[in-house]
Amino acid sequence: MRELTDGYAFRFSGSNAYAVRLLRFTLEERKCCPFFTFELVFEPNHGPIWVHLRGSEAVKEFVASAWGEIIAAQR
């Protein structure tokens, strides 16, 4: 996990299975959270996949509260 100025970035395995899961996650989250900016970043050579959740300060606070345990564990 990395804290961004306008959100958070979460790191996942670079496997194709995770790529599919993360794409599905993003498509579903877009339905309920249109205030997010989503980015999927695929590193070269099947390296990690990063999910960036970005937006206003309120979005950053929302991610911190919803994913607080994951963020705290990775700090």
N, C-alpha and C. Protein backbone atom coordinates (compact mmCIF):
# COMPACT_ATOMS: atom_id res chain seq x y z
N MET A 1 0.84 -1.17 0.00
CA MET A 1 0.00 0.00 0.00
C MET A 1 0.89 1.23 0.00
N ARG A 2 0.46 2.21 -0.75
CA ARG A 2 1.12 3.52 -0.75
C ARG A 2 0.05 4.58 -0.58
N GLU A 3 0.37 5.54 0.27
CA GLU A 3 -0.53 6.68 0.40
C GLU A 3 -0.21 7.65 -0.72
N LEU A 4 -1.23 8.13 -1.39
CA LEU A 4 -1.09 9.12 -2.45
C LEU A 4 -1.64 10.45 -1.94
N THR A 5 -1.30 11.53 -2.58
CA THR A 5 -1.80 12.82 -2.13
C THR A 5 -3.32 12.89 -2.20
N ASP A 6 -3.90 12.15 -3.14
CA ASP A 6 -5.35 12.19 -3.33
C ASP A 6 -6.03 10.82 -3.19
N GLY A 7 -5.38 9.90 -2.47
CA GLY A 7 -5.97 8.58 -2.27
C GLY A 7 -4.95 7.56 -1.81
N TYR A 8 -5.17 6.32 -2.24
CA TYR A 8 -4.28 5.22 -1.85
C TYR A 8 -4.04 4.31 -3.04
N ALA A 9 -2.90 3.64 -3.03
CA ALA A 9 -2.57 2.63 -4.03
C ALA A 9 -2.34 1.31 -3.31
N PHE A 10 -2.99 0.26 -3.80
CA PHE A 10 -2.89 -1.06 -3.19
C PHE A 10 -2.21 -2.00 -4.18
N ARG A 11 -1.29 -2.82 -3.68
CA ARG A 11 -0.47 -3.71 -4.51
C ARG A 11 -1.01 -5.14 -4.43
N PHE A 12 -1.11 -5.78 -5.61
CA PHE A 12 -1.58 -7.15 -5.70
C PHE A 12 -0.66 -7.95 -6.60
N SER A 13 -0.79 -9.26 -6.53
CA SER A 13 -0.04 -10.17 -7.37
C SER A 13 -0.27 -9.81 -8.84
N GLY A 14 0.72 -10.03 -9.66
CA GLY A 14 0.62 -9.73 -11.08
C GLY A 14 0.04 -10.86 -11.91
N SER A 15 -0.51 -11.86 -11.28
CA SER A 15 -1.05 -13.00 -12.02
C SER A 15 -2.28 -12.60 -12.84
N ASN A 16 -2.55 -13.37 -13.88
CA ASN A 16 -3.73 -13.11 -14.70
C ASN A 16 -5.01 -13.27 -13.88
N ALA A 17 -5.00 -14.22 -12.94
CA ALA A 17 -6.18 -14.42 -12.10
C ALA A 17 -6.49 -13.15 -11.30
N TYR A 18 -5.46 -12.52 -10.75
CA TYR A 18 -5.69 -11.26 -10.02
C TYR A 18 -6.10 -10.15 -10.96
N ALA A 19 -5.55 -10.12 -12.15
CA ALA A 19 -5.94 -9.09 -13.11
C ALA A 19 -7.43 -9.14 -13.39
N VAL A 20 -7.96 -10.34 -13.58
CA VAL A 20 -9.39 -10.50 -13.84
C VAL A 20 -10.19 -10.08 -12.62
N ARG A 21 -9.78 -10.51 -11.43
CA ARG A 21 -10.49 -10.15 -10.20
C ARG A 21 -10.51 -8.64 -9.99
N LEU A 22 -9.37 -8.00 -10.23
CA LEU A 22 -9.28 -6.55 -10.01
C LEU A 22 -10.09 -5.78 -11.04
N LEU A 23 -10.14 -6.26 -12.25
CA LEU A 23 -10.96 -5.61 -13.26
C LEU A 23 -12.44 -5.74 -12.89
N ARG A 24 -12.86 -6.91 -12.44
CA ARG A 24 -14.25 -7.09 -12.00
C ARG A 24 -14.57 -6.19 -10.81
N PHE A 25 -13.63 -6.13 -9.85
CA PHE A 25 -13.80 -5.25 -8.68
C PHE A 25 -14.02 -3.81 -9.14
N THR A 26 -13.19 -3.35 -10.05
CA THR A 26 -13.27 -1.97 -10.52
C THR A 26 -14.60 -1.71 -11.23
N LEU A 27 -15.04 -2.64 -12.06
CA LEU A 27 -16.31 -2.47 -12.76
C LEU A 27 -17.48 -2.40 -11.79
N GLU A 28 -17.47 -3.22 -10.75
CA GLU A 28 -18.54 -3.19 -9.76
C GLU A 28 -18.49 -1.92 -8.91
N GLU A 29 -17.30 -1.53 -8.49
CA GLU A 29 -17.17 -0.34 -7.65
C GLU A 29 -17.55 0.93 -8.39
N ARG A 30 -17.36 0.97 -9.68
CA ARG A 30 -17.75 2.14 -10.47
C ARG A 30 -19.25 2.39 -10.39
N LYS A 31 -20.03 1.31 -10.19
CA LYS A 31 -21.49 1.45 -10.09
C LYS A 31 -21.90 2.17 -8.82
N CYS A 32 -21.25 1.85 -7.72
CA CYS A 32 -21.67 2.42 -6.43
C CYS A 32 -20.83 3.62 -6.00
N CYS A 33 -19.65 3.77 -6.58
CA CYS A 33 -18.74 4.83 -6.14
C CYS A 33 -18.27 5.66 -7.34
N PRO A 34 -19.19 6.37 -7.99
CA PRO A 34 -18.80 7.14 -9.18
C PRO A 34 -17.89 8.33 -8.86
N PHE A 35 -17.69 8.60 -7.58
CA PHE A 35 -16.84 9.71 -7.16
C PHE A 35 -15.37 9.31 -7.08
N PHE A 36 -15.05 8.03 -7.28
CA PHE A 36 -13.66 7.57 -7.30
C PHE A 36 -13.06 7.74 -8.70
N THR A 37 -11.78 7.95 -8.72
CA THR A 37 -11.00 7.74 -9.94
C THR A 37 -10.25 6.44 -9.71
N PHE A 38 -10.44 5.48 -10.61
CA PHE A 38 -9.80 4.17 -10.50
C PHE A 38 -8.67 4.08 -11.52
N GLU A 39 -7.56 3.53 -11.09
CA GLU A 39 -6.46 3.23 -12.01
C GLU A 39 -5.96 1.82 -11.70
N LEU A 40 -5.80 1.03 -12.75
CA LEU A 40 -5.13 -0.25 -12.63
C LEU A 40 -3.80 -0.10 -13.32
N VAL A 41 -2.72 -0.33 -12.59
CA VAL A 41 -1.37 -0.16 -13.12
C VAL A 41 -0.70 -1.53 -13.14
N PHE A 42 -0.36 -1.99 -14.33
CA PHE A 42 0.28 -3.29 -14.52
C PHE A 42 1.77 -3.07 -14.73
N GLU A 43 2.58 -3.57 -13.82
CA GLU A 43 4.03 -3.44 -13.97
C GLU A 43 4.53 -4.46 -14.99
N PRO A 44 5.66 -4.19 -15.63
CA PRO A 44 6.19 -5.08 -16.66
C PRO A 44 6.53 -6.48 -16.13
N ASN A 45 6.61 -7.41 -17.05
CA ASN A 45 7.05 -8.79 -16.77
C ASN A 45 6.20 -9.47 -15.71
N HIS A 46 4.90 -9.25 -15.77
CA HIS A 46 3.96 -9.85 -14.81
C HIS A 46 4.28 -9.46 -13.37
N GLY A 47 4.82 -8.25 -13.22
CA GLY A 47 5.06 -7.72 -11.89
C GLY A 47 3.75 -7.39 -11.23
N PRO A 48 3.78 -6.74 -10.09
CA PRO A 48 2.55 -6.46 -9.36
C PRO A 48 1.57 -5.59 -10.13
N ILE A 49 0.33 -5.69 -9.72
CA ILE A 49 -0.73 -4.83 -10.23
C ILE A 49 -1.11 -3.88 -9.10
N TRP A 50 -1.17 -2.61 -9.41
CA TRP A 50 -1.54 -1.60 -8.42
C TRP A 50 -2.94 -1.10 -8.73
N VAL A 51 -3.74 -0.99 -7.69
CA VAL A 51 -5.06 -0.37 -7.79
C VAL A 51 -4.97 0.97 -7.09
N HIS A 52 -5.16 2.04 -7.85
CA HIS A 52 -5.16 3.39 -7.29
C HIS A 52 -6.60 3.83 -7.13
N LEU A 53 -6.96 4.19 -5.93
CA LEU A 53 -8.28 4.76 -5.63
C LEU A 53 -8.04 6.22 -5.29
N ARG A 54 -8.54 7.12 -6.13
CA ARG A 54 -8.25 8.54 -5.98
C ARG A 54 -9.51 9.37 -6.01
N GLY A 55 -9.39 10.59 -5.50
CA GLY A 55 -10.49 11.54 -5.55
C GLY A 55 -10.22 12.70 -4.62
N SER A 56 -11.29 13.30 -4.18
CA SER A 56 -11.20 14.45 -3.27
C SER A 56 -10.71 14.00 -1.90
N GLU A 57 -10.52 14.96 -1.02
CA GLU A 57 -10.13 14.64 0.36
C GLU A 57 -11.18 13.75 1.03
N ALA A 58 -12.45 13.99 0.71
CA ALA A 58 -13.52 13.15 1.26
C ALA A 58 -13.40 11.71 0.77
N VAL A 59 -12.98 11.53 -0.48
CA VAL A 59 -12.77 10.17 -1.02
C VAL A 59 -11.64 9.49 -0.27
N LYS A 60 -10.58 10.23 -0.05
CA LYS A 60 -9.44 9.65 0.68
C LYS A 60 -9.87 9.23 2.09
N GLU A 61 -10.65 10.06 2.75
CA GLU A 61 -11.16 9.72 4.08
C GLU A 61 -12.07 8.49 4.03
N PHE A 62 -12.90 8.40 2.99
CA PHE A 62 -13.79 7.25 2.82
C PHE A 62 -12.98 5.97 2.65
N VAL A 63 -11.97 5.99 1.81
CA VAL A 63 -11.12 4.81 1.61
C VAL A 63 -10.43 4.43 2.91
N ALA A 64 -9.93 5.42 3.62
CA ALA A 64 -9.25 5.15 4.89
C ALA A 64 -10.19 4.50 5.89
N SER A 65 -11.44 4.93 5.93
CA SER A 65 -12.38 4.34 6.89
C SER A 65 -12.85 2.96 6.43
N ALA A 66 -13.08 2.79 5.13
CA ALA A 66 -13.58 1.51 4.62
C ALA A 66 -12.50 0.44 4.59
N TRP A 67 -11.28 0.84 4.33
CA TRP A 67 -10.17 -0.11 4.19
C TRP A 67 -9.15 0.10 5.31
N GLY A 68 -9.58 0.69 6.41
CA GLY A 68 -8.68 1.05 7.50
C GLY A 68 -7.79 -0.05 8.00
N GLU A 69 -8.33 -1.26 8.18
CA GLU A 69 -7.51 -2.36 8.70
C GLU A 69 -6.40 -2.73 7.73
N ILE A 70 -6.71 -2.74 6.45
CA ILE A 70 -5.69 -3.07 5.44
C ILE A 70 -4.63 -1.99 5.41
N ILE A 71 -5.04 -0.74 5.46
CA ILE A 71 -4.09 0.38 5.43
C ILE A 71 -3.21 0.35 6.66
N ALA A 72 -3.80 0.15 7.84
CA ALA A 72 -3.03 0.11 9.09
C ALA A 72 -2.04 -1.05 9.09
N ALA A 73 -2.44 -2.19 8.57
CA ALA A 73 -1.57 -3.37 8.56
C ALA A 73 -0.37 -3.18 7.64
N GLN A 74 -0.53 -2.38 6.59
CA GLN A 74 0.55 -2.21 5.63
C GLN A 74 1.43 -1.03 5.92
N ARG A 75 1.08 -0.23 6.92
CA ARG A 75 1.91 0.94 7.25
C ARG A 75 3.14 0.56 8.00
